[in-house]
């Protein structure tokens, strides 16, 4: 299964956070955090297997948690958007290193 990147955002991000370690790593490779966050927001789940891509696509419909993984210059970055609350809002999106989870 391939990731279906949409031209427009397909969900809300809530509060956006980037961990200091992830920010330092992205700065080292001169890669803007917003570029990854925008990919995630458009449904480009990055380097996930077919099962995880399907879980994310289902989450767009059922409001559960979303996870993207991106490998850039031999470094992996995760972006996690929390599940919807009872009001249908997603409270936060965090860009982090897998070791920080």
PDB file of N, CA and C in Angstrom:
ATOM      1  N   UNK A   1       0.853  -1.174   0.000  1.00  0.00           N
ATOM      2  CA  UNK A   1       0.000   0.000   0.000  1.00  0.00           C
ATOM      3  C   UNK A   1       0.896   1.233   0.000  1.00  0.00           C
ATOM      4  N   UNK A   2       0.513   2.217  -0.752  1.00  0.00           N
ATOM      5  CA  UNK A   2       1.268   3.456  -0.764  1.00  0.00           C
ATOM      6  C   UNK A   2       0.504   4.524  -0.012  1.00  0.00           C
ATOM      7  N   UNK A   3       1.246   5.491   0.479  1.00  0.00           N
ATOM      8  CA  UNK A   3       0.635   6.615   1.168  1.00  0.00           C
ATOM      9  C   UNK A   3      -0.050   7.500   0.140  1.00  0.00           C
ATOM     10  N   UNK A   4      -1.259   7.907   0.436  1.00  0.00           N
ATOM     11  CA  UNK A   4      -1.999   8.804  -0.446  1.00  0.00           C
ATOM     12  C   UNK A   4      -1.862  10.214   0.105  1.00  0.00           C
ATOM     13  N   UNK A   5      -0.998  11.009  -0.495  1.00  0.00           N
ATOM     14  CA  UNK A   5      -0.821  12.385  -0.060  1.00  0.00           C
ATOM     15  C   UNK A   5      -1.939  13.228  -0.652  1.00  0.00           C
ATOM     16  N   UNK A   6      -2.587  13.958   0.209  1.00  0.00           N
ATOM     17  CA  UNK A   6      -3.688  14.808  -0.215  1.00  0.00           C
ATOM     18  C   UNK A   6      -3.178  16.231  -0.417  1.00  0.00           C
ATOM     19  N   UNK A   7      -3.775  17.000  -1.317  1.00  0.00           N
ATOM     20  CA  UNK A   7      -3.291  18.360  -1.572  1.00  0.00           C
ATOM     21  C   UNK A   7      -3.588  19.330  -0.428  1.00  0.00           C
ATOM     22  N   UNK A   8      -4.589  19.011   0.383  1.00  0.00           N
ATOM     23  CA  UNK A   8      -4.993  19.890   1.479  1.00  0.00           C
ATOM     24  C   UNK A   8      -4.889  19.139   2.798  1.00  0.00           C
ATOM     25  N   UNK A   9      -4.782  19.865   3.899  1.00  0.00           N
ATOM     26  CA  UNK A   9      -4.758  19.199   5.203  1.00  0.00           C
ATOM     27  C   UNK A   9      -5.981  18.306   5.380  1.00  0.00           C
ATOM     28  N   UNK A  10      -5.783  17.146   5.981  1.00  0.00           N
ATOM     29  CA  UNK A  10      -6.909  16.222   6.141  1.00  0.00           C
ATOM     30  C   UNK A  10      -7.326  16.055   7.595  1.00  0.00           C
ATOM     31  N   UNK A  11      -6.704  16.782   8.517  1.00  0.00           N
ATOM     32  CA  UNK A  11      -7.112  16.763   9.924  1.00  0.00           C
ATOM     33  C   UNK A  11      -6.463  17.958  10.615  1.00  0.00           C
ATOM     34  N   UNK A  12      -6.972  18.289  11.790  1.00  0.00           N
ATOM     35  CA  UNK A  12      -6.394  19.379  12.572  1.00  0.00           C
ATOM     36  C   UNK A  12      -5.255  18.836  13.427  1.00  0.00           C
ATOM     37  N   UNK A  13      -4.303  19.685  13.709  1.00  0.00           N
ATOM     38  CA  UNK A  13      -3.119  19.273  14.448  1.00  0.00           C
ATOM     39  C   UNK A  13      -3.204  19.543  15.940  1.00  0.00           C
ATOM     40  N   UNK A  14      -4.043  20.471  16.350  1.00  0.00           N
ATOM     41  CA  UNK A  14      -4.033  20.895  17.744  1.00  0.00           C
ATOM     42  C   UNK A  14      -2.753  21.669  18.025  1.00  0.00           C
ATOM     43  N   UNK A  15      -2.317  21.658  19.291  1.00  0.00           N
ATOM     44  CA  UNK A  15      -1.079  22.321  19.686  1.00  0.00           C
ATOM     45  C   UNK A  15       0.098  21.556  19.068  1.00  0.00           C
ATOM     46  N   UNK A  16       1.029  22.267  18.459  1.00  0.00           N
ATOM     47  CA  UNK A  16       2.186  21.639  17.819  1.00  0.00           C
ATOM     48  C   UNK A  16       3.399  21.780  18.729  1.00  0.00           C
ATOM     49  N   UNK A  17       4.099  20.662  18.936  1.00  0.00           N
ATOM     50  CA  UNK A  17       5.320  20.666  19.738  1.00  0.00           C
ATOM     51  C   UNK A  17       6.407  19.897  18.998  1.00  0.00           C
ATOM     52  N   UNK A  18       7.628  20.352  19.163  1.00  0.00           N
ATOM     53  CA  UNK A  18       8.799  19.657  18.644  1.00  0.00           C
ATOM     54  C   UNK A  18       9.750  19.501  19.817  1.00  0.00           C
ATOM     55  N   UNK A  19      10.177  18.282  20.075  1.00  0.00           N
ATOM     56  CA  UNK A  19      11.083  18.072  21.198  1.00  0.00           C
ATOM     57  C   UNK A  19      12.438  18.712  20.883  1.00  0.00           C
ATOM     58  N   UNK A  20      13.167  19.138  21.915  1.00  0.00           N
ATOM     59  CA  UNK A  20      14.484  19.739  21.679  1.00  0.00           C
ATOM     60  C   UNK A  20      15.436  18.811  20.921  1.00  0.00           C
ATOM     61  N   UNK A  21      15.420  17.522  21.232  1.00  0.00           N
ATOM     62  CA  UNK A  21      16.316  16.584  20.547  1.00  0.00           C
ATOM     63  C   UNK A  21      15.966  16.464  19.068  1.00  0.00           C
ATOM     64  N   UNK A  22      14.684  16.412  18.749  1.00  0.00           N
ATOM     65  CA  UNK A  22      14.267  16.339  17.348  1.00  0.00           C
ATOM     66  C   UNK A  22      14.629  17.633  16.621  1.00  0.00           C
ATOM     67  N   UNK A  23      14.433  18.756  17.278  1.00  0.00           N
ATOM     68  CA  UNK A  23      14.777  20.040  16.659  1.00  0.00           C
ATOM     69  C   UNK A  23      16.278  20.124  16.404  1.00  0.00           C
ATOM     70  N   UNK A  24      17.088  19.700  17.362  1.00  0.00           N
ATOM     71  CA  UNK A  24      18.540  19.704  17.171  1.00  0.00           C
ATOM     72  C   UNK A  24      18.938  18.806  16.001  1.00  0.00           C
ATOM     73  N   UNK A  25      18.338  17.615  15.926  1.00  0.00           N
ATOM     74  CA  UNK A  25      18.665  16.677  14.847  1.00  0.00           C
ATOM     75  C   UNK A  25      18.270  17.245  13.493  1.00  0.00           C
ATOM     76  N   UNK A  26      17.102  17.866  13.406  1.00  0.00           N
ATOM     77  CA  UNK A  26      16.673  18.466  12.147  1.00  0.00           C
ATOM     78  C   UNK A  26      17.563  19.639  11.763  1.00  0.00           C
ATOM     79  N   UNK A  27      17.967  20.425  12.750  1.00  0.00           N
ATOM     80  CA  UNK A  27      18.878  21.542  12.462  1.00  0.00           C
ATOM     81  C   UNK A  27      20.222  21.039  11.945  1.00  0.00           C
ATOM     82  N   UNK A  28      20.689  19.918  12.488  1.00  0.00           N
ATOM     83  CA  UNK A  28      21.964  19.333  12.042  1.00  0.00           C
ATOM     84  C   UNK A  28      21.943  18.992  10.552  1.00  0.00           C
ATOM     85  N   UNK A  29      20.802  18.537  10.083  1.00  0.00           N
ATOM     86  CA  UNK A  29      20.703  18.146   8.671  1.00  0.00           C
ATOM     87  C   UNK A  29      20.022  19.219   7.820  1.00  0.00           C
ATOM     88  N   UNK A  30      19.806  20.370   8.441  1.00  0.00           N
ATOM     89  CA  UNK A  30      19.219  21.518   7.744  1.00  0.00           C
ATOM     90  C   UNK A  30      17.870  21.180   7.111  1.00  0.00           C
ATOM     91  N   UNK A  31      16.999  20.561   7.901  1.00  0.00           N
ATOM     92  CA  UNK A  31      15.663  20.166   7.431  1.00  0.00           C
ATOM     93  C   UNK A  31      14.629  20.866   8.302  1.00  0.00           C
ATOM     94  N   UNK A  32      13.730  21.641   7.712  1.00  0.00           N
ATOM     95  CA  UNK A  32      12.758  22.399   8.506  1.00  0.00           C
ATOM     96  C   UNK A  32      11.670  21.507   9.117  1.00  0.00           C
ATOM     97  N   UNK A  33      11.421  21.630  10.411  1.00  0.00           N
ATOM     98  CA  UNK A  33      10.386  20.829  11.061  1.00  0.00           C
ATOM     99  C   UNK A  33       9.018  20.980  10.405  1.00  0.00           C
ATOM    100  N   UNK A  34       8.706  22.180   9.971  1.00  0.00           N
ATOM    101  CA  UNK A  34       7.397  22.423   9.362  1.00  0.00           C
ATOM    102  C   UNK A  34       7.192  21.598   8.103  1.00  0.00           C
ATOM    103  N   UNK A  35       8.249  21.292   7.389  1.00  0.00           N
ATOM    104  CA  UNK A  35       8.124  20.464   6.184  1.00  0.00           C
ATOM    105  C   UNK A  35       7.597  19.076   6.547  1.00  0.00           C
ATOM    106  N   UNK A  36       8.107  18.494   7.627  1.00  0.00           N
ATOM    107  CA  UNK A  36       7.609  17.184   8.070  1.00  0.00           C
ATOM    108  C   UNK A  36       6.178  17.286   8.587  1.00  0.00           C
ATOM    109  N   UNK A  37       5.909  18.302   9.354  1.00  0.00           N
ATOM    110  CA  UNK A  37       4.565  18.468   9.908  1.00  0.00           C
ATOM    111  C   UNK A  37       3.544  18.636   8.792  1.00  0.00           C
ATOM    112  N   UNK A  38       3.898  19.374   7.754  1.00  0.00           N
ATOM    113  CA  UNK A  38       2.977  19.545   6.625  1.00  0.00           C
ATOM    114  C   UNK A  38       2.759  18.242   5.869  1.00  0.00           C
ATOM    115  N   UNK A  39       3.798  17.423   5.730  1.00  0.00           N
ATOM    116  CA  UNK A  39       3.618  16.115   5.088  1.00  0.00           C
ATOM    117  C   UNK A  39       2.624  15.283   5.893  1.00  0.00           C
ATOM    118  N   UNK A  40       2.827  15.245   7.194  1.00  0.00           N
ATOM    119  CA  UNK A  40       1.945  14.490   8.093  1.00  0.00           C
ATOM    120  C   UNK A  40       0.503  14.977   7.966  1.00  0.00           C
ATOM    121  N   UNK A  41       0.321  16.266   7.987  1.00  0.00           N
ATOM    122  CA  UNK A  41      -1.013  16.879   7.940  1.00  0.00           C
ATOM    123  C   UNK A  41      -1.752  16.591   6.645  1.00  0.00           C
ATOM    124  N   UNK A  42      -1.003  16.344   5.568  1.00  0.00           N
ATOM    125  CA  UNK A  42      -1.615  16.028   4.273  1.00  0.00           C
ATOM    126  C   UNK A  42      -1.794  14.528   4.058  1.00  0.00           C
ATOM    127  N   UNK A  43      -1.484  13.734   5.080  1.00  0.00           N
ATOM    128  CA  UNK A  43      -1.682  12.296   4.955  1.00  0.00           C
ATOM    129  C   UNK A  43      -0.532  11.558   4.311  1.00  0.00           C
ATOM    130  N   UNK A  44       0.633  12.183   4.237  1.00  0.00           N
ATOM    131  CA  UNK A  44       1.844  11.488   3.798  1.00  0.00           C
ATOM    132  C   UNK A  44       2.465  10.897   5.051  1.00  0.00           C
ATOM    133  N   UNK A  45       2.230   9.626   5.264  1.00  0.00           N
ATOM    134  CA  UNK A  45       2.626   8.967   6.515  1.00  0.00           C
ATOM    135  C   UNK A  45       4.092   8.566   6.527  1.00  0.00           C
ATOM    136  N   UNK A  46       4.795   8.827   5.449  1.00  0.00           N
ATOM    137  CA  UNK A  46       6.229   8.575   5.421  1.00  0.00           C
ATOM    138  C   UNK A  46       6.577   7.108   5.261  1.00  0.00           C
ATOM    139  N   UNK A  47       7.477   6.638   6.099  1.00  0.00           N
ATOM    140  CA  UNK A  47       8.065   5.307   5.975  1.00  0.00           C
ATOM    141  C   UNK A  47       7.383   4.303   6.903  1.00  0.00           C
ATOM    142  N   UNK A  48       6.101   4.095   6.692  1.00  0.00           N
ATOM    143  CA  UNK A  48       5.335   3.120   7.469  1.00  0.00           C
ATOM    144  C   UNK A  48       5.038   1.904   6.607  1.00  0.00           C
ATOM    145  N   UNK A  49       4.795   0.772   7.265  1.00  0.00           N
ATOM    146  CA  UNK A  49       4.392  -0.412   6.500  1.00  0.00           C
ATOM    147  C   UNK A  49       2.906  -0.310   6.151  1.00  0.00           C
ATOM    148  N   UNK A  50       2.457  -1.220   5.314  1.00  0.00           N
ATOM    149  CA  UNK A  50       1.076  -1.175   4.826  1.00  0.00           C
ATOM    150  C   UNK A  50       0.051  -1.203   5.952  1.00  0.00           C
ATOM    151  N   UNK A  51       0.302  -2.009   6.972  1.00  0.00           N
ATOM    152  CA  UNK A  51      -0.648  -2.118   8.085  1.00  0.00           C
ATOM    153  C   UNK A  51      -0.780  -0.793   8.835  1.00  0.00           C
ATOM    154  N   UNK A  52       0.347  -0.135   9.101  1.00  0.00           N
ATOM    155  CA  UNK A  52       0.296   1.145   9.809  1.00  0.00           C
ATOM    156  C   UNK A  52      -0.323   2.249   8.950  1.00  0.00           C
ATOM    157  N   UNK A  53      -0.090   2.194   7.653  1.00  0.00           N
ATOM    158  CA  UNK A  53      -0.739   3.160   6.759  1.00  0.00           C
ATOM    159  C   UNK A  53      -2.253   2.985   6.823  1.00  0.00           C
ATOM    160  N   UNK A  54      -2.719   1.741   6.806  1.00  0.00           N
ATOM    161  CA  UNK A  54      -4.160   1.492   6.886  1.00  0.00           C
ATOM    162  C   UNK A  54      -4.724   1.955   8.222  1.00  0.00           C
ATOM    163  N   UNK A  55      -3.972   1.738   9.309  1.00  0.00           N
ATOM    164  CA  UNK A  55      -4.414   2.211  10.627  1.00  0.00           C
ATOM    165  C   UNK A  55      -4.594   3.729  10.600  1.00  0.00           C
ATOM    166  N   UNK A  56      -3.648   4.447  10.000  1.00  0.00           N
ATOM    167  CA  UNK A  56      -3.775   5.905   9.902  1.00  0.00           C
ATOM    168  C   UNK A  56      -4.958   6.305   9.029  1.00  0.00           C
ATOM    169  N   UNK A  57      -5.122   5.637   7.898  1.00  0.00           N
ATOM    170  CA  UNK A  57      -6.251   5.982   7.031  1.00  0.00           C
ATOM    171  C   UNK A  57      -7.573   5.739   7.746  1.00  0.00           C
ATOM    172  N   UNK A  58      -7.648   4.674   8.522  1.00  0.00           N
ATOM    173  CA  UNK A  58      -8.847   4.423   9.325  1.00  0.00           C
ATOM    174  C   UNK A  58      -9.021   5.496  10.398  1.00  0.00           C
ATOM    175  N   UNK A  59      -7.908   5.938  10.977  1.00  0.00           N
ATOM    176  CA  UNK A  59      -7.950   6.959  12.032  1.00  0.00           C
ATOM    177  C   UNK A  59      -8.505   8.288  11.528  1.00  0.00           C
ATOM    178  N   UNK A  60      -8.333   8.550  10.240  1.00  0.00           N
ATOM    179  CA  UNK A  60      -8.928   9.766   9.683  1.00  0.00           C
ATOM    180  C   UNK A  60     -10.445   9.717   9.770  1.00  0.00           C
ATOM    181  N   UNK A  61     -10.992   8.510   9.740  1.00  0.00           N
ATOM    182  CA  UNK A  61     -12.446   8.346   9.803  1.00  0.00           C
ATOM    183  C   UNK A  61     -12.946   8.173  11.243  1.00  0.00           C
ATOM    184  N   UNK A  62     -12.161   7.474  12.080  1.00  0.00           N
ATOM    185  CA  UNK A  62     -12.662   7.161  13.429  1.00  0.00           C
ATOM    186  C   UNK A  62     -12.077   8.028  14.539  1.00  0.00           C
ATOM    187  N   UNK A  63     -11.133   8.906  14.193  1.00  0.00           N
ATOM    188  CA  UNK A  63     -10.623   9.860  15.168  1.00  0.00           C
ATOM    189  C   UNK A  63      -9.530   9.347  16.083  1.00  0.00           C
ATOM    190  N   UNK A  64      -8.986   8.160  15.819  1.00  0.00           N
ATOM    191  CA  UNK A  64      -7.932   7.657  16.696  1.00  0.00           C
ATOM    192  C   UNK A  64      -6.584   8.315  16.368  1.00  0.00           C
ATOM    193  N   UNK A  65      -5.574   7.941  17.109  1.00  0.00           N
ATOM    194  CA  UNK A  65      -4.244   8.541  17.005  1.00  0.00           C
ATOM    195  C   UNK A  65      -3.641   8.333  15.615  1.00  0.00           C
ATOM    196  N   UNK A  66      -2.852   9.308  15.183  1.00  0.00           N
ATOM    197  CA  UNK A  66      -2.152   9.252  13.903  1.00  0.00           C
ATOM    198  C   UNK A  66      -0.648   9.252  14.149  1.00  0.00           C
ATOM    199  N   UNK A  67       0.076   8.417  13.406  1.00  0.00           N
ATOM    200  CA  UNK A  67       1.524   8.331  13.532  1.00  0.00           C
ATOM    201  C   UNK A  67       2.158   8.351  12.151  1.00  0.00           C
ATOM    202  N   UNK A  68       3.166   9.195  11.987  1.00  0.00           N
ATOM    203  CA  UNK A  68       3.981   9.184  10.774  1.00  0.00           C
ATOM    204  C   UNK A  68       5.420   8.944  11.183  1.00  0.00           C
ATOM    205  N   UNK A  69       6.177   8.332  10.279  1.00  0.00           N
ATOM    206  CA  UNK A  69       7.610   8.100  10.505  1.00  0.00           C
ATOM    207  C   UNK A  69       8.350   8.486   9.236  1.00  0.00           C
ATOM    208  N   UNK A  70       9.398   9.267   9.397  1.00  0.00           N
ATOM    209  CA  UNK A  70      10.163   9.743   8.262  1.00  0.00           C
ATOM    210  C   UNK A  70      11.642   9.455   8.496  1.00  0.00           C
ATOM    211  N   UNK A  71      12.278   8.800   7.545  1.00  0.00           N
ATOM    212  CA  UNK A  71      13.716   8.600   7.617  1.00  0.00           C
ATOM    213  C   UNK A  71      14.378   9.601   6.690  1.00  0.00           C
ATOM    214  N   UNK A  72      15.218  10.428   7.285  1.00  0.00           N
ATOM    215  CA  UNK A  72      15.905  11.480   6.539  1.00  0.00           C
ATOM    216  C   UNK A  72      17.381  11.413   6.923  1.00  0.00           C
ATOM    217  N   UNK A  73      18.221  11.199   5.951  1.00  0.00           N
ATOM    218  CA  UNK A  73      19.667  11.119   6.156  1.00  0.00           C
ATOM    219  C   UNK A  73      20.019  10.188   7.319  1.00  0.00           C
ATOM    220  N   UNK A  74      19.481   8.990   7.276  1.00  0.00           N
ATOM    221  CA  UNK A  74      19.745   7.943   8.270  1.00  0.00           C
ATOM    222  C   UNK A  74      19.278   8.287   9.679  1.00  0.00           C
ATOM    223  N   UNK A  75      18.358   9.219   9.788  1.00  0.00           N
ATOM    224  CA  UNK A  75      17.749   9.570  11.074  1.00  0.00           C
ATOM    225  C   UNK A  75      16.248   9.392  10.935  1.00  0.00           C
ATOM    226  N   UNK A  76      15.619   8.865  11.970  1.00  0.00           N
ATOM    227  CA  UNK A  76      14.172   8.654  11.942  1.00  0.00           C
ATOM    228  C   UNK A  76      13.492   9.656  12.858  1.00  0.00           C
ATOM    229  N   UNK A  77      12.403  10.210  12.355  1.00  0.00           N
ATOM    230  CA  UNK A  77      11.590  11.162  13.098  1.00  0.00           C
ATOM    231  C   UNK A  77      10.160  10.651  13.118  1.00  0.00           C
ATOM    232  N   UNK A  78       9.508  10.792  14.239  1.00  0.00           N
ATOM    233  CA  UNK A  78       8.096  10.438  14.362  1.00  0.00           C
ATOM    234  C   UNK A  78       7.281  11.700  14.560  1.00  0.00           C
ATOM    235  N   UNK A  79       6.063  11.669  14.044  1.00  0.00           N
ATOM    236  CA  UNK A  79       5.071  12.693  14.361  1.00  0.00           C
ATOM    237  C   UNK A  79       3.822  11.959  14.832  1.00  0.00           C
ATOM    238  N   UNK A  80       3.343  12.350  15.999  1.00  0.00           N
ATOM    239  CA  UNK A  80       2.153  11.731  16.587  1.00  0.00           C
ATOM    240  C   UNK A  80       1.115  12.813  16.827  1.00  0.00           C
ATOM    241  N   UNK A  81      -0.077  12.589  16.300  1.00  0.00           N
ATOM    242  CA  UNK A  81      -1.217  13.459  16.582  1.00  0.00           C
ATOM    243  C   UNK A  81      -2.185  12.672  17.447  1.00  0.00           C
ATOM    244  N   UNK A  82      -2.546  13.263  18.563  1.00  0.00           N
ATOM    245  CA  UNK A  82      -3.419  12.591  19.521  1.00  0.00           C
ATOM    246  C   UNK A  82      -4.796  12.302  18.932  1.00  0.00           C
ATOM    247  N   UNK A  83      -5.449  11.322  19.518  1.00  0.00           N
ATOM    248  CA  UNK A  83      -6.814  10.970  19.128  1.00  0.00           C
ATOM    249  C   UNK A  83      -7.758  12.130  19.435  1.00  0.00           C
ATOM    250  N   UNK A  84      -8.880  12.124  18.763  1.00  0.00           N
ATOM    251  CA  UNK A  84      -9.908  13.143  19.013  1.00  0.00           C
ATOM    252  C   UNK A  84     -10.496  12.964  20.408  1.00  0.00           C
ATOM    253  N   UNK A  85     -10.804  14.088  21.034  1.00  0.00           N
ATOM    254  CA  UNK A  85     -11.496  14.036  22.318  1.00  0.00           C
ATOM    255  C   UNK A  85     -13.010  13.961  22.075  1.00  0.00           C
ATOM    256  N   UNK A  86     -13.792  14.062  23.126  1.00  0.00           N
ATOM    257  CA  UNK A  86     -15.255  13.963  23.003  1.00  0.00           C
ATOM    258  C   UNK A  86     -15.869  15.082  22.173  1.00  0.00           C
ATOM    259  N   UNK A  87     -15.127  16.172  22.007  1.00  0.00           N
ATOM    260  CA  UNK A  87     -15.608  17.294  21.194  1.00  0.00           C
ATOM    261  C   UNK A  87     -15.163  17.190  19.741  1.00  0.00           C
ATOM    262  N   UNK A  88     -14.443  16.125  19.405  1.00  0.00           N
ATOM    263  CA  UNK A  88     -13.960  15.958  18.039  1.00  0.00           C
ATOM    264  C   UNK A  88     -12.698  16.732  17.739  1.00  0.00           C
ATOM    265  N   UNK A  89     -11.990  17.159  18.789  1.00  0.00           N
ATOM    266  CA  UNK A  89     -10.759  17.934  18.613  1.00  0.00           C
ATOM    267  C   UNK A  89      -9.537  17.055  18.863  1.00  0.00           C
ATOM    268  N   UNK A  90      -8.491  17.318  18.135  1.00  0.00           N
ATOM    269  CA  UNK A  90      -7.197  16.686  18.391  1.00  0.00           C
ATOM    270  C   UNK A  90      -6.366  17.710  19.158  1.00  0.00           C
ATOM    271  N   UNK A  91      -5.957  17.353  20.367  1.00  0.00           N
ATOM    272  CA  UNK A  91      -5.332  18.316  21.271  1.00  0.00           C
ATOM    273  C   UNK A  91      -3.912  18.697  20.867  1.00  0.00           C
ATOM    274  N   UNK A  92      -3.141  17.742  20.338  1.00  0.00           N
ATOM    275  CA  UNK A  92      -1.730  18.044  20.118  1.00  0.00           C
ATOM    276  C   UNK A  92      -1.109  17.151  19.054  1.00  0.00           C
ATOM    277  N   UNK A  93      -0.076  17.691  18.442  1.00  0.00           N
ATOM    278  CA  UNK A  93       0.781  16.969  17.508  1.00  0.00           C
ATOM    279  C   UNK A  93       2.212  17.199  17.962  1.00  0.00           C
ATOM    280  N   UNK A  94       2.973  16.104  18.061  1.00  0.00           N
ATOM    281  CA  UNK A  94       4.353  16.202  18.544  1.00  0.00           C
ATOM    282  C   UNK A  94       5.304  15.560  17.545  1.00  0.00           C
ATOM    283  N   UNK A  95       6.365  16.274  17.213  1.00  0.00           N
ATOM    284  CA  UNK A  95       7.450  15.756  16.391  1.00  0.00           C
ATOM    285  C   UNK A  95       8.571  15.370  17.351  1.00  0.00           C
ATOM    286  N   UNK A  96       9.023  14.105  17.277  1.00  0.00           N
ATOM    287  CA  UNK A  96       9.999  13.613  18.228  1.00  0.00           C
ATOM    288  C   UNK A  96      10.869  12.532  17.597  1.00  0.00           C
ATOM    289  N   UNK A  97      11.911  12.162  18.308  1.00  0.00           N
ATOM    290  CA  UNK A  97      12.729  11.021  17.918  1.00  0.00           C
ATOM    291  C   UNK A  97      12.116   9.770  18.525  1.00  0.00           C
ATOM    292  N   UNK A  98      12.197   8.623  17.860  1.00  0.00           N
ATOM    293  CA  UNK A  98      11.630   7.396  18.420  1.00  0.00           C
ATOM    294  C   UNK A  98      12.165   7.071  19.818  1.00  0.00           C
ATOM    295  N   UNK A  99      13.409   7.404  20.086  1.00  0.00           N
ATOM    296  CA  UNK A  99      14.002   7.133  21.404  1.00  0.00           C
ATOM    297  C   UNK A  99      13.349   7.949  22.517  1.00  0.00           C
ATOM    298  N   UNK A 100      12.599   8.979  22.159  1.00  0.00           N
ATOM    299  CA  UNK A 100      11.941   9.831  23.160  1.00  0.00           C
ATOM    300  C   UNK A 100      10.535   9.362  23.502  1.00  0.00           C
ATOM    301  N   UNK A 101      10.038   8.354  22.808  1.00  0.00           N
ATOM    302  CA  UNK A 101       8.660   7.893  23.029  1.00  0.00           C
ATOM    303  C   UNK A 101       8.564   7.075  24.280  1.00  0.00           C
TER     304      UNK A 101
END
